[in-house]
Amino acid sequence: MIVVTKVDRFSRSIVDFLNTNQTLVDLGIEFYPVDQGIFGTKGPEGELMRNILLAFAQFEREMTRKRTTEGMRAKIARGEWRGGPTPFGYKSENGRLC
């Protein structure tokens, strides 16, 4: 048995989870999310709830990626340094490379 706190701690991709889950089923290994265990993972109701939770986790992942990308693009448009180590030969002053 694999025990996790929540489904989204195991995977935030529906496709990845379903592929991994099928491998677990084939090996006879049960998957159990502790905090969401009241729904169970067996039967049509459990599968439906699991898939809904996975859909929200994937949506959250994609929204985080989108906001991060938009933030990086906005900094570049304003001429600001996006962060990380300062490239060799430059120095960072007030968020800009010099």
PDB file of N, CA and C in Angstrom:
ATOM      1  N   MET A   1       0.844  -1.178   0.000  1.00  0.00           N
ATOM      2  CA  MET A   1       0.000   0.000   0.000  1.00  0.00           C
ATOM      3  C   MET A   1       0.891   1.244   0.000  1.00  0.00           C
ATOM      4  N   ILE A   2       0.499   2.217  -0.818  1.00  0.00           N
ATOM      5  CA  ILE A   2       1.158   3.519  -0.819  1.00  0.00           C
ATOM      6  C   ILE A   2       0.200   4.490  -0.148  1.00  0.00           C
ATOM      7  N   VAL A   3       0.686   5.146   0.915  1.00  0.00           N
ATOM      8  CA  VAL A   3      -0.123   6.097   1.667  1.00  0.00           C
ATOM      9  C   VAL A   3       0.452   7.494   1.445  1.00  0.00           C
ATOM     10  N   VAL A   4      -0.405   8.422   1.047  1.00  0.00           N
ATOM     11  CA  VAL A   4      -0.007   9.823   0.857  1.00  0.00           C
ATOM     12  C   VAL A   4      -0.979  10.709   1.620  1.00  0.00           C
ATOM     13  N   THR A   5      -0.564  11.945   1.905  1.00  0.00           N
ATOM     14  CA  THR A   5      -1.471  12.846   2.607  1.00  0.00           C
ATOM     15  C   THR A   5      -2.628  13.263   1.712  1.00  0.00           C
ATOM     16  N   LYS A   6      -2.308  13.647   0.490  1.00  0.00           N
ATOM     17  CA  LYS A   6      -3.326  14.062  -0.473  1.00  0.00           C
ATOM     18  C   LYS A   6      -2.925  13.555  -1.847  1.00  0.00           C
ATOM     19  N   VAL A   7      -3.891  13.426  -2.723  1.00  0.00           N
ATOM     20  CA  VAL A   7      -3.626  12.950  -4.080  1.00  0.00           C
ATOM     21  C   VAL A   7      -2.642  13.867  -4.797  1.00  0.00           C
ATOM     22  N   ASP A   8      -2.782  15.192  -4.614  1.00  0.00           N
ATOM     23  CA  ASP A   8      -1.918  16.123  -5.339  1.00  0.00           C
ATOM     24  C   ASP A   8      -0.484  16.116  -4.825  1.00  0.00           C
ATOM     25  N   ARG A   9      -0.218  15.497  -3.709  1.00  0.00           N
ATOM     26  CA  ARG A   9       1.160  15.335  -3.235  1.00  0.00           C
ATOM     27  C   ARG A   9       1.839  14.184  -3.970  1.00  0.00           C
ATOM     28  N   PHE A  10       1.066  13.324  -4.576  1.00  0.00           N
ATOM     29  CA  PHE A  10       1.591  12.188  -5.341  1.00  0.00           C
ATOM     30  C   PHE A  10       1.804  12.574  -6.798  1.00  0.00           C
ATOM     31  N   SER A  11       0.840  13.307  -7.359  1.00  0.00           N
ATOM     32  CA  SER A  11       0.946  13.738  -8.753  1.00  0.00           C
ATOM     33  C   SER A  11       0.015  14.912  -8.989  1.00  0.00           C
ATOM     34  N   ARG A  12       0.446  15.832  -9.857  1.00  0.00           N
ATOM     35  CA  ARG A  12      -0.405  16.957 -10.257  1.00  0.00           C
ATOM     36  C   ARG A  12      -0.767  16.861 -11.728  1.00  0.00           C
ATOM     37  N   SER A  13      -0.621  15.667 -12.274  1.00  0.00           N
ATOM     38  CA  SER A  13      -0.967  15.425 -13.669  1.00  0.00           C
ATOM     39  C   SER A  13      -1.890  14.209 -13.729  1.00  0.00           C
ATOM     40  N   ILE A  14      -3.039  14.380 -14.341  1.00  0.00           N
ATOM     41  CA  ILE A  14      -4.000  13.286 -14.434  1.00  0.00           C
ATOM     42  C   ILE A  14      -3.399  12.115 -15.208  1.00  0.00           C
ATOM     43  N   VAL A  15      -2.769  12.400 -16.329  1.00  0.00           N
ATOM     44  CA  VAL A  15      -2.202  11.341 -17.167  1.00  0.00           C
ATOM     45  C   VAL A  15      -1.110  10.574 -16.423  1.00  0.00           C
ATOM     46  N   ASP A  16      -0.195  11.305 -15.774  1.00  0.00           N
ATOM     47  CA  ASP A  16       0.871  10.647 -15.023  1.00  0.00           C
ATOM     48  C   ASP A  16       0.310   9.779 -13.906  1.00  0.00           C
ATOM     49  N   PHE A  17      -0.680  10.310 -13.187  1.00  0.00           N
ATOM     50  CA  PHE A  17      -1.258   9.539 -12.096  1.00  0.00           C
ATOM     51  C   PHE A  17      -1.927   8.278 -12.609  1.00  0.00           C
ATOM     52  N   LEU A  18      -2.742   8.402 -13.667  1.00  0.00           N
ATOM     53  CA  LEU A  18      -3.456   7.230 -14.170  1.00  0.00           C
ATOM     54  C   LEU A  18      -2.495   6.158 -14.680  1.00  0.00           C
ATOM     55  N   ASN A  19      -1.406   6.572 -15.344  1.00  0.00           N
ATOM     56  CA  ASN A  19      -0.405   5.592 -15.787  1.00  0.00           C
ATOM     57  C   ASN A  19       0.262   4.918 -14.603  1.00  0.00           C
ATOM     58  N   THR A  20       0.656   5.708 -13.606  1.00  0.00           N
ATOM     59  CA  THR A  20       1.296   5.150 -12.421  1.00  0.00           C
ATOM     60  C   THR A  20       0.329   4.277 -11.645  1.00  0.00           C
ATOM     61  N   ASN A  21      -0.912   4.741 -11.516  1.00  0.00           N
ATOM     62  CA  ASN A  21      -1.915   3.971 -10.791  1.00  0.00           C
ATOM     63  C   ASN A  21      -2.170   2.621 -11.456  1.00  0.00           C
ATOM     64  N   GLN A  22      -2.191   2.590 -12.793  1.00  0.00           N
ATOM     65  CA  GLN A  22      -2.401   1.320 -13.488  1.00  0.00           C
ATOM     66  C   GLN A  22      -1.259   0.358 -13.203  1.00  0.00           C
ATOM     67  N   THR A  23      -0.034   0.871 -13.154  1.00  0.00           N
ATOM     68  CA  THR A  23       1.118   0.034 -12.806  1.00  0.00           C
ATOM     69  C   THR A  23       0.965  -0.506 -11.392  1.00  0.00           C
ATOM     70  N   LEU A  24       0.517   0.350 -10.463  1.00  0.00           N
ATOM     71  CA  LEU A  24       0.303  -0.100  -9.082  1.00  0.00           C
ATOM     72  C   LEU A  24      -0.771  -1.185  -9.013  1.00  0.00           C
ATOM     73  N   VAL A  25      -1.859  -0.988  -9.744  1.00  0.00           N
ATOM     74  CA  VAL A  25      -2.942  -1.980  -9.774  1.00  0.00           C
ATOM     75  C   VAL A  25      -2.419  -3.307 -10.311  1.00  0.00           C
ATOM     76  N   ASP A  26      -1.635  -3.247 -11.390  1.00  0.00           N
ATOM     77  CA  ASP A  26      -1.077  -4.467 -11.980  1.00  0.00           C
ATOM     78  C   ASP A  26      -0.168  -5.209 -11.006  1.00  0.00           C
ATOM     79  N   LEU A  27       0.510  -4.450 -10.132  1.00  0.00           N
ATOM     80  CA  LEU A  27       1.409  -5.049  -9.146  1.00  0.00           C
ATOM     81  C   LEU A  27       0.694  -5.406  -7.845  1.00  0.00           C
ATOM     82  N   GLY A  28      -0.599  -5.079  -7.765  1.00  0.00           N
ATOM     83  CA  GLY A  28      -1.366  -5.390  -6.563  1.00  0.00           C
ATOM     84  C   GLY A  28      -1.108  -4.430  -5.409  1.00  0.00           C
ATOM     85  N   ILE A  29      -0.668  -3.221  -5.733  1.00  0.00           N
ATOM     86  CA  ILE A  29      -0.367  -2.223  -4.710  1.00  0.00           C
ATOM     87  C   ILE A  29      -1.536  -1.236  -4.644  1.00  0.00           C
ATOM     88  N   GLU A  30      -2.043  -1.014  -3.432  1.00  0.00           N
ATOM     89  CA  GLU A  30      -3.173  -0.102  -3.248  1.00  0.00           C
ATOM     90  C   GLU A  30      -2.673   1.306  -2.966  1.00  0.00           C
ATOM     91  N   PHE A  31      -3.388   2.296  -3.463  1.00  0.00           N
ATOM     92  CA  PHE A  31      -3.068   3.709  -3.272  1.00  0.00           C
ATOM     93  C   PHE A  31      -4.110   4.289  -2.321  1.00  0.00           C
ATOM     94  N   TYR A  32      -3.656   4.983  -1.266  1.00  0.00           N
ATOM     95  CA  TYR A  32      -4.593   5.525  -0.286  1.00  0.00           C
ATOM     96  C   TYR A  32      -4.202   6.935   0.142  1.00  0.00           C
ATOM     97  N   PRO A  33      -5.015   7.950  -0.205  1.00  0.00           N
ATOM     98  CA  PRO A  33      -4.767   9.313   0.284  1.00  0.00           C
ATOM     99  C   PRO A  33      -5.415   9.496   1.659  1.00  0.00           C
ATOM    100  N   VAL A  34      -4.621   9.768   2.681  1.00  0.00           N
ATOM    101  CA  VAL A  34      -5.104   9.828   4.060  1.00  0.00           C
ATOM    102  C   VAL A  34      -6.148  10.919   4.259  1.00  0.00           C
ATOM    103  N   ASP A  35      -5.839  12.153   3.880  1.00  0.00           N
ATOM    104  CA  ASP A  35      -6.764  13.268   4.117  1.00  0.00           C
ATOM    105  C   ASP A  35      -8.027  13.178   3.273  1.00  0.00           C
ATOM    106  N   GLN A  36      -7.962  12.448   2.179  1.00  0.00           N
ATOM    107  CA  GLN A  36      -9.125  12.328   1.311  1.00  0.00           C
ATOM    108  C   GLN A  36      -9.636  10.898   1.289  1.00  0.00           C
ATOM    109  N   GLY A  37      -9.273  10.134   2.298  1.00  0.00           N
ATOM    110  CA  GLY A  37      -9.641   8.728   2.355  1.00  0.00           C
ATOM    111  C   GLY A  37     -11.099   8.470   2.633  1.00  0.00           C
ATOM    112  N   ILE A  38     -11.826   9.504   3.065  1.00  0.00           N
ATOM    113  CA  ILE A  38     -13.249   9.298   3.340  1.00  0.00           C
ATOM    114  C   ILE A  38     -14.000   8.922   2.066  1.00  0.00           C
ATOM    115  N   PHE A  39     -13.457   9.307   0.918  1.00  0.00           N
ATOM    116  CA  PHE A  39     -14.096   8.957  -0.349  1.00  0.00           C
ATOM    117  C   PHE A  39     -13.683   7.560  -0.788  1.00  0.00           C
ATOM    118  N   GLY A  40     -12.532   7.110  -0.305  1.00  0.00           N
ATOM    119  CA  GLY A  40     -12.004   5.842  -0.780  1.00  0.00           C
ATOM    120  C   GLY A  40     -11.485   5.999  -2.188  1.00  0.00           C
ATOM    121  N   THR A  41     -10.783   5.011  -2.663  1.00  0.00           N
ATOM    122  CA  THR A  41     -10.272   5.080  -4.031  1.00  0.00           C
ATOM    123  C   THR A  41     -10.811   3.935  -4.880  1.00  0.00           C
ATOM    124  N   LYS A  42     -11.650   3.123  -4.270  1.00  0.00           N
ATOM    125  CA  LYS A  42     -12.226   2.004  -5.016  1.00  0.00           C
ATOM    126  C   LYS A  42     -13.670   2.325  -5.369  1.00  0.00           C
ATOM    127  N   GLY A  43     -14.138   1.713  -6.423  1.00  0.00           N
ATOM    128  CA  GLY A  43     -15.507   1.924  -6.855  1.00  0.00           C
ATOM    129  C   GLY A  43     -15.637   3.179  -7.682  1.00  0.00           C
ATOM    130  N   PRO A  44     -16.761   3.330  -8.343  1.00  0.00           N
ATOM    131  CA  PRO A  44     -16.951   4.480  -9.227  1.00  0.00           C
ATOM    132  C   PRO A  44     -16.959   5.813  -8.493  1.00  0.00           C
ATOM    133  N   GLU A  45     -17.511   5.865  -7.264  1.00  0.00           N
ATOM    134  CA  GLU A  45     -17.543   7.127  -6.517  1.00  0.00           C
ATOM    135  C   GLU A  45     -16.131   7.566  -6.152  1.00  0.00           C
ATOM    136  N   GLY A  46     -15.320   6.634  -5.695  1.00  0.00           N
ATOM    137  CA  GLY A  46     -13.939   6.942  -5.321  1.00  0.00           C
ATOM    138  C   GLY A  46     -13.115   7.401  -6.511  1.00  0.00           C
ATOM    139  N   GLU A  47     -13.295   6.712  -7.637  1.00  0.00           N
ATOM    140  CA  GLU A  47     -12.565   7.096  -8.850  1.00  0.00           C
ATOM    141  C   GLU A  47     -12.983   8.484  -9.323  1.00  0.00           C
ATOM    142  N   LEU A  48     -14.279   8.793  -9.243  1.00  0.00           N
ATOM    143  CA  LEU A  48     -14.766  10.099  -9.644  1.00  0.00           C
ATOM    144  C   LEU A  48     -14.145  11.192  -8.767  1.00  0.00           C
ATOM    145  N   MET A  49     -14.185  11.007  -7.454  1.00  0.00           N
ATOM    146  CA  MET A  49     -13.632  12.009  -6.539  1.00  0.00           C
ATOM    147  C   MET A  49     -12.131  12.164  -6.751  1.00  0.00           C
ATOM    148  N   ARG A  50     -11.434  11.059  -6.943  1.00  0.00           N
ATOM    149  CA  ARG A  50      -9.993  11.112  -7.187  1.00  0.00           C
ATOM    150  C   ARG A  50      -9.694  11.904  -8.447  1.00  0.00           C
ATOM    151  N   ASN A  51     -10.439  11.656  -9.502  1.00  0.00           N
ATOM    152  CA  ASN A  51     -10.215  12.358 -10.766  1.00  0.00           C
ATOM    153  C   ASN A  51     -10.547  13.846 -10.660  1.00  0.00           C
ATOM    154  N   ILE A  52     -11.565  14.185  -9.882  1.00  0.00           N
ATOM    155  CA  ILE A  52     -11.890  15.605  -9.668  1.00  0.00           C
ATOM    156  C   ILE A  52     -10.755  16.288  -8.923  1.00  0.00           C
ATOM    157  N   LEU A  53     -10.260  15.639  -7.865  1.00  0.00           N
ATOM    158  CA  LEU A  53      -9.149  16.207  -7.093  1.00  0.00           C
ATOM    159  C   LEU A  53      -7.903  16.355  -7.964  1.00  0.00           C
ATOM    160  N   LEU A  54      -7.636  15.374  -8.813  1.00  0.00           N
ATOM    161  CA  LEU A  54      -6.486  15.454  -9.722  1.00  0.00           C
ATOM    162  C   LEU A  54      -6.664  16.580 -10.745  1.00  0.00           C
ATOM    163  N   ALA A  55      -7.894  16.771 -11.216  1.00  0.00           N
ATOM    164  CA  ALA A  55      -8.154  17.848 -12.180  1.00  0.00           C
ATOM    165  C   ALA A  55      -7.875  19.209 -11.551  1.00  0.00           C
ATOM    166  N   PHE A  56      -8.280  19.392 -10.300  1.00  0.00           N
ATOM    167  CA  PHE A  56      -7.993  20.654  -9.618  1.00  0.00           C
ATOM    168  C   PHE A  56      -6.502  20.827  -9.373  1.00  0.00           C
ATOM    169  N   ALA A  57      -5.804  19.747  -9.032  1.00  0.00           N
ATOM    170  CA  ALA A  57      -4.358  19.830  -8.814  1.00  0.00           C
ATOM    171  C   ALA A  57      -3.642  20.214 -10.105  1.00  0.00           C
ATOM    172  N   GLN A  58      -4.054  19.629 -11.220  1.00  0.00           N
ATOM    173  CA  GLN A  58      -3.440  19.953 -12.508  1.00  0.00           C
ATOM    174  C   GLN A  58      -3.753  21.396 -12.895  1.00  0.00           C
ATOM    175  N   PHE A  59      -4.983  21.840 -12.656  1.00  0.00           N
ATOM    176  CA  PHE A  59      -5.362  23.220 -12.936  1.00  0.00           C
ATOM    177  C   PHE A  59      -4.500  24.185 -12.126  1.00  0.00           C
ATOM    178  N   GLU A  60      -4.307  23.884 -10.843  1.00  0.00           N
ATOM    179  CA  GLU A  60      -3.485  24.735  -9.976  1.00  0.00           C
ATOM    180  C   GLU A  60      -2.044  24.801 -10.488  1.00  0.00           C
ATOM    181  N   ARG A  61      -1.510  23.660 -10.916  1.00  0.00           N
ATOM    182  CA  ARG A  61      -0.150  23.625 -11.453  1.00  0.00           C
ATOM    183  C   ARG A  61      -0.029  24.505 -12.694  1.00  0.00           C
ATOM    184  N   GLU A  62      -0.995  24.405 -13.592  1.00  0.00           N
ATOM    185  CA  GLU A  62      -0.959  25.190 -14.825  1.00  0.00           C
ATOM    186  C   GLU A  62      -1.127  26.682 -14.555  1.00  0.00           C
ATOM    187  N   MET A  63      -1.964  27.049 -13.592  1.00  0.00           N
ATOM    188  CA  MET A  63      -2.139  28.461 -13.256  1.00  0.00           C
ATOM    189  C   MET A  63      -0.865  29.028 -12.626  1.00  0.00           C
ATOM    190  N   THR A  64      -0.190  28.255 -11.796  1.00  0.00           N
ATOM    191  CA  THR A  64       1.075  28.698 -11.211  1.00  0.00           C
ATOM    192  C   THR A  64       2.108  28.923 -12.294  1.00  0.00           C
ATOM    193  N   ARG A  65       2.189  28.003 -13.250  1.00  0.00           N
ATOM    194  CA  ARG A  65       3.120  28.148 -14.374  1.00  0.00           C
ATOM    195  C   ARG A  65       2.805  29.400 -15.179  1.00  0.00           C
ATOM    196  N   LYS A  66       1.523  29.642 -15.438  1.00  0.00           N
ATOM    197  CA  LYS A  66       1.115  30.800 -16.225  1.00  0.00           C
ATOM    198  C   LYS A  66       1.465  32.101 -15.510  1.00  0.00           C
ATOM    199  N   ARG A  67       1.160  32.191 -14.203  1.00  0.00           N
ATOM    200  CA  ARG A  67       1.460  33.412 -13.452  1.00  0.00           C
ATOM    201  C   ARG A  67       2.961  33.664 -13.377  1.00  0.00           C
ATOM    202  N   THR A  68       3.738  32.604 -13.200  1.00  0.00           N
ATOM    203  CA  THR A  68       5.192  32.750 -13.138  1.00  0.00           C
ATOM    204  C   THR A  68       5.738  33.267 -14.463  1.00  0.00           C
ATOM    205  N   THR A  69       5.281  32.685 -15.551  1.00  0.00           N
ATOM    206  CA  THR A  69       5.729  33.112 -16.883  1.00  0.00           C
ATOM    207  C   THR A  69       5.347  34.561 -17.153  1.00  0.00           C
ATOM    208  N   GLU A  70       4.123  34.932 -16.803  1.00  0.00           N
ATOM    209  CA  GLU A  70       3.687  36.319 -17.006  1.00  0.00           C
ATOM    210  C   GLU A  70       4.509  37.285 -16.165  1.00  0.00           C
ATOM    211  N   GLY A  71       4.832  36.897 -14.936  1.00  0.00           N
ATOM    212  CA  GLY A  71       5.655  37.740 -14.074  1.00  0.00           C
ATOM    213  C   GLY A  71       7.051  37.937 -14.630  1.00  0.00           C
ATOM    214  N   MET A  72       7.638  36.864 -15.162  1.00  0.00           N
ATOM    215  CA  MET A  72       8.972  36.960 -15.774  1.00  0.00           C
ATOM    216  C   MET A  72       8.938  37.877 -16.991  1.00  0.00           C
ATOM    217  N   ARG A  73       7.926  37.717 -17.820  1.00  0.00           N
ATOM    218  CA  ARG A  73       7.812  38.564 -19.013  1.00  0.00           C
ATOM    219  C   ARG A  73       7.629  40.029 -18.646  1.00  0.00           C
ATOM    220  N   ALA A  74       6.859  40.310 -17.593  1.00  0.00           N
ATOM    221  CA  ALA A  74       6.650  41.689 -17.158  1.00  0.00           C
ATOM    222  C   ALA A  74       7.959  42.305 -16.680  1.00  0.00           C
ATOM    223  N   LYS A  75       8.764  41.526 -15.930  1.00  0.00           N
ATOM    224  CA  LYS A  75      10.058  42.044 -15.467  1.00  0.00           C
ATOM    225  C   LYS A  75      10.979  42.341 -16.647  1.00  0.00           C
ATOM    226  N   ILE A  76      10.994  41.452 -17.627  1.00  0.00           N
ATOM    227  CA  ILE A  76      11.833  41.671 -18.811  1.00  0.00           C
ATOM    228  C   ILE A  76      11.368  42.923 -19.548  1.00  0.00           C
ATOM    229  N   ALA A  77      10.050  43.104 -19.684  1.00  0.00           N
ATOM    230  CA  ALA A  77       9.521  44.282 -20.382  1.00  0.00           C
ATOM    231  C   ALA A  77       9.898  45.581 -19.670  1.00  0.00           C
ATOM    232  N   ARG A  78      10.011  45.523 -18.332  1.00  0.00           N
ATOM    233  CA  ARG A  78      10.416  46.711 -17.571  1.00  0.00           C
ATOM    234  C   ARG A  78      11.927  46.869 -17.499  1.00  0.00           C
ATOM    235  N   GLY A  79      12.641  45.910 -18.085  1.00  0.00           N
ATOM    236  CA  GLY A  79      14.096  45.969 -18.093  1.00  0.00           C
ATOM    237  C   GLY A  79      14.732  45.536 -16.786  1.00  0.00           C
ATOM    238  N   GLU A  80      13.999  44.799 -15.970  1.00  0.00           N
ATOM    239  CA  GLU A  80      14.511  44.350 -14.679  1.00  0.00           C
ATOM    240  C   GLU A  80      15.165  42.978 -14.814  1.00  0.00           C
ATOM    241  N   TRP A  81      16.099  42.727 -13.927  1.00  0.00           N
ATOM    242  CA  TRP A  81      16.770  41.427 -13.856  1.00  0.00           C
ATOM    243  C   TRP A  81      15.809  40.440 -13.208  1.00  0.00           C
ATOM    244  N   ARG A  82      15.669  39.241 -13.796  1.00  0.00           N
ATOM    245  CA  ARG A  82      14.721  38.245 -13.295  1.00  0.00           C
ATOM    246  C   ARG A  82      15.212  37.514 -12.064  1.00  0.00           C
ATOM    247  N   GLY A  83      16.466  37.681 -11.724  1.00  0.00           N
ATOM    248  CA  GLY A  83      16.985  37.029 -10.526  1.00  0.00           C
ATOM    249  C   GLY A  83      18.006  35.965 -10.857  1.00  0.00           C
ATOM    250  N   GLY A  84      18.481  35.295  -9.819  1.00  0.00           N
ATOM    251  CA  GLY A  84      19.516  34.297  -9.993  1.00  0.00           C
ATOM    252  C   GLY A  84      20.881  34.934  -9.850  1.00  0.00           C
ATOM    253  N   PRO A  85      21.919  34.150 -10.048  1.00  0.00           N
ATOM    254  CA  PRO A  85      23.261  34.697  -9.933  1.00  0.00           C
ATOM    255  C   PRO A  85      23.515  35.758 -11.009  1.00  0.00           C
ATOM    256  N   THR A  86      24.202  36.796 -10.629  1.00  0.00           N
ATOM    257  CA  THR A  86      24.545  37.852 -11.584  1.00  0.00           C
ATOM    258  C   THR A  86      25.573  37.306 -12.571  1.00  0.00           C
ATOM    259  N   PRO A  87      25.342  37.470 -13.872  1.00  0.00           N
ATOM    260  CA  PRO A  87      26.287  36.949 -14.856  1.00  0.00           C
ATOM    261  C   PRO A  87      27.679  37.560 -14.684  1.00  0.00           C
ATOM    262  N   PHE A  88      28.688  36.782 -15.027  1.00  0.00           N
ATOM    263  CA  PHE A  88      30.069  37.241 -14.918  1.00  0.00           C
ATOM    264  C   PHE A  88      30.260  38.515 -15.739  1.00  0.00           C
ATOM    265  N   GLY A  89      30.883  39.517 -15.138  1.00  0.00           N
ATOM    266  CA  GLY A  89      31.144  40.773 -15.833  1.00  0.00           C
ATOM    267  C   GLY A  89      30.070  41.820 -15.605  1.00  0.00           C
ATOM    268  N   TYR A  90      28.995  41.474 -14.894  1.00  0.00           N
ATOM    269  CA  TYR A  90      27.923  42.415 -14.603  1.00  0.00           C
ATOM    270  C   TYR A  90      27.779  42.571 -13.107  1.00  0.00           C
ATOM    271  N   LYS A  91      27.104  43.621 -12.707  1.00  0.00           N
ATOM    272  CA  LYS A  91      26.693  43.753 -11.320  1.00  0.00           C
ATOM    273  C   LYS A  91      25.234  44.176 -11.296  1.00  0.00           C
ATOM    274  N   SER A  92      24.563  43.848 -10.216  1.00  0.00           N
ATOM    275  CA  SER A  92      23.151  44.156 -10.093  1.00  0.00           C
ATOM    276  C   SER A  92      22.963  45.359  -9.190  1.00  0.00           C
ATOM    277  N   GLU A  93      22.307  46.374  -9.702  1.00  0.00           N
ATOM    278  CA  GLU A  93      22.006  47.584  -8.932  1.00  0.00           C
ATOM    279  C   GLU A  93      20.532  47.923  -9.120  1.00  0.00           C
ATOM    280  N   ASN A  94      19.823  47.996  -8.010  1.00  0.00           N
ATOM    281  CA  ASN A  94      18.391  48.332  -8.036  1.00  0.00           C
ATOM    282  C   ASN A  94      17.586  47.447  -8.987  1.00  0.00           C
ATOM    283  N   GLY A  95      17.911  46.166  -8.998  1.00  0.00           N
ATOM    284  CA  GLY A  95      17.164  45.227  -9.841  1.00  0.00           C
ATOM    285  C   GLY A  95      17.518  45.248 -11.306  1.00  0.00           C
ATOM    286  N   ARG A  96      18.580  45.950 -11.657  1.00  0.00           N
ATOM    287  CA  ARG A  96      19.007  46.015 -13.059  1.00  0.00           C
ATOM    288  C   ARG A  96      20.464  45.599 -13.165  1.00  0.00           C
ATOM    289  N   LEU A  97      20.804  45.036 -14.313  1.00  0.00           N
ATOM    290  CA  LEU A  97      22.203  44.666 -14.556  1.00  0.00           C
ATOM    291  C   LEU A  97      22.968  45.847 -15.111  1.00  0.00           C
ATOM    292  N   CYS A  98      24.180  46.015 -14.614  1.00  0.00           N
ATOM    293  CA  CYS A  98      25.043  47.106 -15.097  1.00  0.00           C
ATOM    294  C   CYS A  98      26.364  46.505 -15.576  1.00  0.00           C
TER     295      CYS A  98
END
